[in-house]
Each structure stands twice: as structure tokens, then as C-alpha cells.
Amino acid sequence: MRNLLDFEKAVAKFDEQLKPIASKPVDLDDPNWANKLAESHPLDEAGVRVEAESLLTEVTDFYQNSDAEIRQAIRALFEKRHSFAWAATPPWALDTASGFQRQLLLFSILDQSQDTRDAILWLQDICAKAESAGVQIKPILAETAKLSSAFNKYGMGSTKDLLLKVR
């Protein structure tokens, strides 16, 4: 199993590879700008999808099994390395309890990222998809909330609160 320093190095490497893609302007004058965005994925564009998704799985496992201090350090890492955090989309299907739990662990790690409103929409979406697939979401939400930050970053509730009050 890796340690926090290993994860910091790996995330930093991916973040540097993704930074030019994340900061590339979108040409809104191009009539096909939305299609172009939908057709590409930053992890594919950087050629790192398989490795980045594998790293996300390792990080979520590590996060879930770490103490509060390490979990906070992982949240801080993802806040600092925002290009990676932005591009690293969850590869796990929402039709199983384990896939839903992994997505919630990533939600907890991202800790609302840059915008609570976007976080709420994402949380509502993954809950609805998992629930419609028959996943019992409430116990997994409660379990993940125990691992999440109780700090109210943006005045709309903490990540822990969002997980406990969804719906």
C-alpha cells in the first residue's frame, strides 16, 4: 500500500500534465464549442486515463482507511492540485453499493471543490442514479459523512452536512 507522500507525488505529476488542458480557454465563438468539449476528456487528452483512474481507486481506499488527520491532508492535496481534481472523474458505476460508495468517497475528498452549488448538484445526481439502480443509499451516505469534513467552507454547510441532508 502506498503512503501519503506517494500519493502527493503521483497527484502532483498528473496535475502538471493536466494543467495546460485545464487552463486552456474555450473558444465560445466556435459554433461547435460544446460538442468539442463533450467529445473530449482531459484524461484522454493527456493520455493518462488508466493511470489516473487507478490512482483514484487507490486514494479512495487509502482515504477510507485513514484517520482524520490523513483524510484532511488528502482533501488539502486535492484542493491544491485542482487541475487533477477537476479532470479526475470517477470511473465507478453507480449501480452497485461499492461503486456508489467510491463516488461518495471522492465527493468527500473533493470537499465541495470550488463551488458548493456544483457539489450539491453532483451529489443529488449520483444519489438519484444509485437509488434508481436499487442501491440502498442512506447507510452509505451516513458512513461516508463520518469520514468527511465538518468545516462549513462556503456558508452552505459542510460536506458532512451535505451528505447527511441530501434529498
C-alpha atoms as a PDB file:
ATOM      1  CA  MET A   1       0.000   0.000   0.000  1.00  0.00           C
ATOM      2  CA  ARG A   2       1.194   3.492  -0.749  1.00  0.00           C
ATOM      3  CA  ASN A   3       1.572   6.270   1.776  1.00  0.00           C
ATOM      4  CA  LEU A   4       0.552   9.921   1.738  1.00  0.00           C
ATOM      5  CA  LEU A   5       3.862  11.060   0.240  1.00  0.00           C
ATOM      6  CA  ASP A   6       3.469   8.598  -2.638  1.00  0.00           C
ATOM      7  CA  PHE A   7       0.007   9.981  -3.349  1.00  0.00           C
ATOM      8  CA  GLU A   8       1.249  13.565  -3.163  1.00  0.00           C
ATOM      9  CA  LYS A   9       3.931  12.804  -5.772  1.00  0.00           C
ATOM     10  CA  ALA A  10       1.561  10.944  -8.084  1.00  0.00           C
ATOM     11  CA  VAL A  11      -1.176  13.578  -7.904  1.00  0.00           C
ATOM     12  CA  ALA A  12       1.391  16.360  -8.464  1.00  0.00           C
ATOM     13  CA  LYS A  13       2.690  14.586 -11.576  1.00  0.00           C
ATOM     14  CA  PHE A  14      -0.796  14.252 -13.058  1.00  0.00           C
ATOM     15  CA  ASP A  15      -1.674  17.799 -12.040  1.00  0.00           C
ATOM     16  CA  GLU A  16       1.291  19.144 -14.030  1.00  0.00           C
ATOM     17  CA  GLN A  17       0.273  17.095 -17.067  1.00  0.00           C
ATOM     18  CA  LEU A  18      -3.318  18.303 -16.839  1.00  0.00           C
ATOM     19  CA  LYS A  19      -2.675  21.965 -16.010  1.00  0.00           C
ATOM     20  CA  PRO A  20      -2.322  23.096 -19.679  1.00  0.00           C
ATOM     21  CA  ILE A  21      -5.559  21.323 -20.560  1.00  0.00           C
ATOM     22  CA  ALA A  22      -7.431  22.686 -17.537  1.00  0.00           C
ATOM     23  CA  SER A  23      -6.332  26.242 -18.236  1.00  0.00           C
ATOM     24  CA  LYS A  24      -6.918  26.136 -21.984  1.00  0.00           C
ATOM     25  CA  PRO A  25      -9.559  28.710 -22.955  1.00  0.00           C
ATOM     26  CA  VAL A  26     -12.771  27.601 -24.608  1.00  0.00           C
ATOM     27  CA  ASP A  27     -13.453  29.369 -27.897  1.00  0.00           C
ATOM     28  CA  LEU A  28     -17.075  30.397 -27.382  1.00  0.00           C
ATOM     29  CA  ASP A  29     -17.093  31.937 -30.871  1.00  0.00           C
ATOM     30  CA  ASP A  30     -16.744  28.461 -32.362  1.00  0.00           C
ATOM     31  CA  PRO A  31     -20.298  27.224 -33.037  1.00  0.00           C
ATOM     32  CA  ASN A  32     -19.196  23.668 -32.168  1.00  0.00           C
ATOM     33  CA  TRP A  33     -17.525  24.501 -28.851  1.00  0.00           C
ATOM     34  CA  ALA A  34     -19.993  22.483 -26.763  1.00  0.00           C
ATOM     35  CA  ASN A  35     -19.666  19.406 -28.982  1.00  0.00           C
ATOM     36  CA  LYS A  36     -15.887  19.619 -28.867  1.00  0.00           C
ATOM     37  CA  LEU A  37     -15.956  19.736 -25.084  1.00  0.00           C
ATOM     38  CA  ALA A  38     -18.352  16.801 -24.886  1.00  0.00           C
ATOM     39  CA  GLU A  39     -16.258  14.712 -27.285  1.00  0.00           C
ATOM     40  CA  SER A  40     -13.000  15.059 -25.392  1.00  0.00           C
ATOM     41  CA  HIS A  41     -11.933  14.159 -21.906  1.00  0.00           C
ATOM     42  CA  PRO A  42      -8.907  15.767 -20.253  1.00  0.00           C
ATOM     43  CA  LEU A  43      -7.557  12.427 -19.012  1.00  0.00           C
ATOM     44  CA  ASP A  44      -7.682  11.059 -22.565  1.00  0.00           C
ATOM     45  CA  GLU A  45      -6.192  14.234 -23.983  1.00  0.00           C
ATOM     46  CA  ALA A  46      -3.265  13.902 -21.556  1.00  0.00           C
ATOM     47  CA  GLY A  47      -3.034  10.155 -22.235  1.00  0.00           C
ATOM     48  CA  VAL A  48      -3.337   9.255 -18.549  1.00  0.00           C
ATOM     49  CA  ARG A  49      -6.875   7.911 -18.071  1.00  0.00           C
ATOM     50  CA  VAL A  50      -5.986   4.371 -16.985  1.00  0.00           C
ATOM     51  CA  GLU A  51      -3.273   5.502 -14.573  1.00  0.00           C
ATOM     52  CA  ALA A  52      -5.328   8.372 -13.139  1.00  0.00           C
ATOM     53  CA  GLU A  53      -8.388   6.198 -12.577  1.00  0.00           C
ATOM     54  CA  SER A  54      -6.228   3.561 -10.898  1.00  0.00           C
ATOM     55  CA  LEU A  55      -4.764   6.262  -8.657  1.00  0.00           C
ATOM     56  CA  LEU A  56      -8.275   7.482  -7.742  1.00  0.00           C
ATOM     57  CA  THR A  57      -9.189   3.967  -6.652  1.00  0.00           C
ATOM     58  CA  GLU A  58      -6.061   3.725  -4.511  1.00  0.00           C
ATOM     59  CA  VAL A  59      -6.624   7.166  -2.994  1.00  0.00           C
ATOM     60  CA  THR A  60     -10.258   6.435  -2.095  1.00  0.00           C
ATOM     61  CA  ASP A  61      -9.203   3.155  -0.440  1.00  0.00           C
ATOM     62  CA  PHE A  62      -6.461   4.942   1.496  1.00  0.00           C
ATOM     63  CA  TYR A  63      -8.815   7.784   2.476  1.00  0.00           C
ATOM     64  CA  GLN A  64     -11.475   5.399   3.729  1.00  0.00           C
ATOM     65  CA  ASN A  65      -8.988   3.569   5.933  1.00  0.00           C
ATOM     66  CA  SER A  66      -7.116   6.603   7.290  1.00  0.00           C
ATOM     67  CA  ASP A  67      -7.505   8.702  10.400  1.00  0.00           C
ATOM     68  CA  ALA A  68      -8.948  12.224  10.400  1.00  0.00           C
ATOM     69  CA  GLU A  69      -5.537  13.905  10.068  1.00  0.00           C
ATOM     70  CA  ILE A  70      -4.597  11.938   6.944  1.00  0.00           C
ATOM     71  CA  ARG A  71      -8.058  12.441   5.431  1.00  0.00           C
ATOM     72  CA  GLN A  72      -7.662  16.198   5.912  1.00  0.00           C
ATOM     73  CA  ALA A  73      -4.245  16.044   4.247  1.00  0.00           C
ATOM     74  CA  ILE A  74      -5.769  14.229   1.264  1.00  0.00           C
ATOM     75  CA  ARG A  75      -8.523  16.856   0.986  1.00  0.00           C
ATOM     76  CA  ALA A  76      -5.853  19.581   1.103  1.00  0.00           C
ATOM     77  CA  LEU A  77      -3.866  17.784  -1.604  1.00  0.00           C
ATOM     78  CA  PHE A  78      -6.869  17.753  -3.943  1.00  0.00           C
ATOM     79  CA  GLU A  79      -7.592  21.396  -3.172  1.00  0.00           C
ATOM     80  CA  LYS A  80      -4.014  22.341  -4.009  1.00  0.00           C
ATOM     81  CA  ARG A  81      -3.844  20.185  -7.138  1.00  0.00           C
ATOM     82  CA  HIS A  82      -7.053  21.481  -8.670  1.00  0.00           C
ATOM     83  CA  SER A  83      -6.244  20.543 -12.293  1.00  0.00           C
ATOM     84  CA  PHE A  84      -6.102  16.891 -11.294  1.00  0.00           C
ATOM     85  CA  ALA A  85      -9.146  17.230  -9.048  1.00  0.00           C
ATOM     86  CA  TRP A  86     -11.084  18.825 -11.925  1.00  0.00           C
ATOM     87  CA  ALA A  87     -10.095  16.211 -14.510  1.00  0.00           C
ATOM     88  CA  ALA A  88     -10.166  13.062 -12.411  1.00  0.00           C
ATOM     89  CA  THR A  89     -13.715  11.910 -12.962  1.00  0.00           C
ATOM     90  CA  PRO A  90     -14.956   8.840 -11.108  1.00  0.00           C
ATOM     91  CA  PRO A  91     -14.697   5.618 -13.111  1.00  0.00           C
ATOM     92  CA  TRP A  92     -17.011   3.644 -10.828  1.00  0.00           C
ATOM     93  CA  ALA A  93     -20.524   2.653 -11.844  1.00  0.00           C
ATOM     94  CA  LEU A  94     -23.359   3.817  -9.631  1.00  0.00           C
ATOM     95  CA  ASP A  95     -25.414   0.638  -9.942  1.00  0.00           C
ATOM     96  CA  THR A  96     -23.620  -1.095  -7.060  1.00  0.00           C
ATOM     97  CA  ALA A  97     -23.151  -0.168  -3.428  1.00  0.00           C
ATOM     98  CA  SER A  98     -19.364  -0.267  -3.802  1.00  0.00           C
ATOM     99  CA  GLY A  99     -19.382   1.994  -6.876  1.00  0.00           C
ATOM    100  CA  PHE A 100     -21.694   4.448  -5.134  1.00  0.00           C
ATOM    101  CA  GLN A 101     -19.520   4.384  -2.011  1.00  0.00           C
ATOM    102  CA  ARG A 102     -16.369   5.108  -4.034  1.00  0.00           C
ATOM    103  CA  GLN A 103     -18.073   8.057  -5.725  1.00  0.00           C
ATOM    104  CA  LEU A 104     -19.101   9.388  -2.312  1.00  0.00           C
ATOM    105  CA  LEU A 105     -15.549   8.956  -1.037  1.00  0.00           C
ATOM    106  CA  LEU A 106     -14.314  11.073  -3.935  1.00  0.00           C
ATOM    107  CA  PHE A 107     -17.061  13.598  -3.161  1.00  0.00           C
ATOM    108  CA  SER A 108     -15.768  13.693   0.423  1.00  0.00           C
ATOM    109  CA  ILE A 109     -12.160  14.120  -0.741  1.00  0.00           C
ATOM    110  CA  LEU A 110     -13.075  16.967  -3.094  1.00  0.00           C
ATOM    111  CA  ASP A 111     -14.839  18.653  -0.164  1.00  0.00           C
ATOM    112  CA  GLN A 112     -17.118  20.810  -2.345  1.00  0.00           C
ATOM    113  CA  SER A 113     -14.184  21.783  -4.562  1.00  0.00           C
ATOM    114  CA  GLN A 114     -14.664  25.349  -5.811  1.00  0.00           C
ATOM    115  CA  ASP A 115     -18.458  25.612  -5.546  1.00  0.00           C
ATOM    116  CA  THR A 116     -20.962  24.135  -3.099  1.00  0.00           C
ATOM    117  CA  ARG A 117     -23.782  24.501  -5.621  1.00  0.00           C
ATOM    118  CA  ASP A 118     -21.995  22.273  -8.138  1.00  0.00           C
ATOM    119  CA  ALA A 119     -21.218  19.812  -5.346  1.00  0.00           C
ATOM    120  CA  ILE A 120     -24.888  19.645  -4.353  1.00  0.00           C
ATOM    121  CA  LEU A 121     -25.961  19.014  -7.947  1.00  0.00           C
ATOM    122  CA  TRP A 122     -23.360  16.268  -8.341  1.00  0.00           C
ATOM    123  CA  LEU A 123     -24.394  14.665  -5.044  1.00  0.00           C
ATOM    124  CA  GLN A 124     -28.086  14.748  -5.982  1.00  0.00           C
ATOM    125  CA  ASP A 125     -27.278  13.228  -9.382  1.00  0.00           C
ATOM    126  CA  ILE A 126     -25.212  10.327  -8.069  1.00  0.00           C
ATOM    127  CA  CYS A 127     -27.760   9.614  -5.330  1.00  0.00           C
ATOM    128  CA  ALA A 128     -30.625   9.541  -7.824  1.00  0.00           C
ATOM    129  CA  LYS A 129     -28.729   7.222 -10.181  1.00  0.00           C
ATOM    130  CA  ALA A 130     -27.684   4.839  -7.418  1.00  0.00           C
ATOM    131  CA  GLU A 131     -31.153   4.805  -5.885  1.00  0.00           C
ATOM    132  CA  SER A 132     -32.782   4.120  -9.246  1.00  0.00           C
ATOM    133  CA  ALA A 133     -30.409   1.155  -9.639  1.00  0.00           C
ATOM    134  CA  GLY A 134     -31.654  -0.233  -6.317  1.00  0.00           C
ATOM    135  CA  VAL A 135     -28.717   0.784  -4.134  1.00  0.00           C
ATOM    136  CA  GLN A 136     -29.628   1.476  -0.505  1.00  0.00           C
ATOM    137  CA  ILE A 137     -28.029   4.912  -0.326  1.00  0.00           C
ATOM    138  CA  LYS A 138     -28.818   6.143   3.216  1.00  0.00           C
ATOM    139  CA  PRO A 139     -26.389   3.872   5.130  1.00  0.00           C
ATOM    140  CA  ILE A 140     -23.587   4.620   2.664  1.00  0.00           C
ATOM    141  CA  LEU A 141     -24.246   8.359   2.900  1.00  0.00           C
ATOM    142  CA  ALA A 142     -24.111   8.156   6.712  1.00  0.00           C
ATOM    143  CA  GLU A 143     -20.915   6.092   6.668  1.00  0.00           C
ATOM    144  CA  THR A 144     -19.194   8.499   4.267  1.00  0.00           C
ATOM    145  CA  ALA A 145     -20.362  11.516   6.272  1.00  0.00           C
ATOM    146  CA  LYS A 146     -18.402  10.182   9.259  1.00  0.00           C
ATOM    147  CA  LEU A 147     -15.218  10.463   7.166  1.00  0.00           C
ATOM    148  CA  SER A 148     -15.993  13.906   5.775  1.00  0.00           C
ATOM    149  CA  SER A 149     -15.114  17.441   6.764  1.00  0.00           C
ATOM    150  CA  ALA A 150     -17.404  19.204   9.219  1.00  0.00           C
ATOM    151  CA  PHE A 151     -16.000  22.607   8.217  1.00  0.00           C
ATOM    152  CA  ASN A 152     -18.516  24.916   6.508  1.00  0.00           C
ATOM    153  CA  LYS A 153     -16.238  26.209   3.727  1.00  0.00           C
ATOM    154  CA  TYR A 154     -18.634  28.418   1.798  1.00  0.00           C
ATOM    155  CA  GLY A 155     -21.511  29.093   4.185  1.00  0.00           C
ATOM    156  CA  MET A 156     -23.834  26.479   2.697  1.00  0.00           C
ATOM    157  CA  GLY A 157     -22.998  23.625   5.042  1.00  0.00           C
ATOM    158  CA  SER A 158     -20.081  21.265   5.425  1.00  0.00           C
ATOM    159  CA  THR A 159     -19.510  18.240   3.223  1.00  0.00           C
ATOM    160  CA  LYS A 160     -20.593  16.132   6.170  1.00  0.00           C
ATOM    161  CA  ASP A 161     -23.845  18.136   6.374  1.00  0.00           C
ATOM    162  CA  LEU A 162     -24.476  17.782   2.642  1.00  0.00           C
ATOM    163  CA  LEU A 163     -24.118  14.018   2.827  1.00  0.00           C
ATOM    164  CA  LEU A 164     -26.460  13.752   5.806  1.00  0.00           C
ATOM    165  CA  LYS A 165     -29.118  16.106   4.400  1.00  0.00           C
ATOM    166  CA  VAL A 166     -29.203  15.134   0.733  1.00  0.00           C
ATOM    167  CA  ARG A 167     -32.757  14.982  -0.648  1.00  0.00           C
END
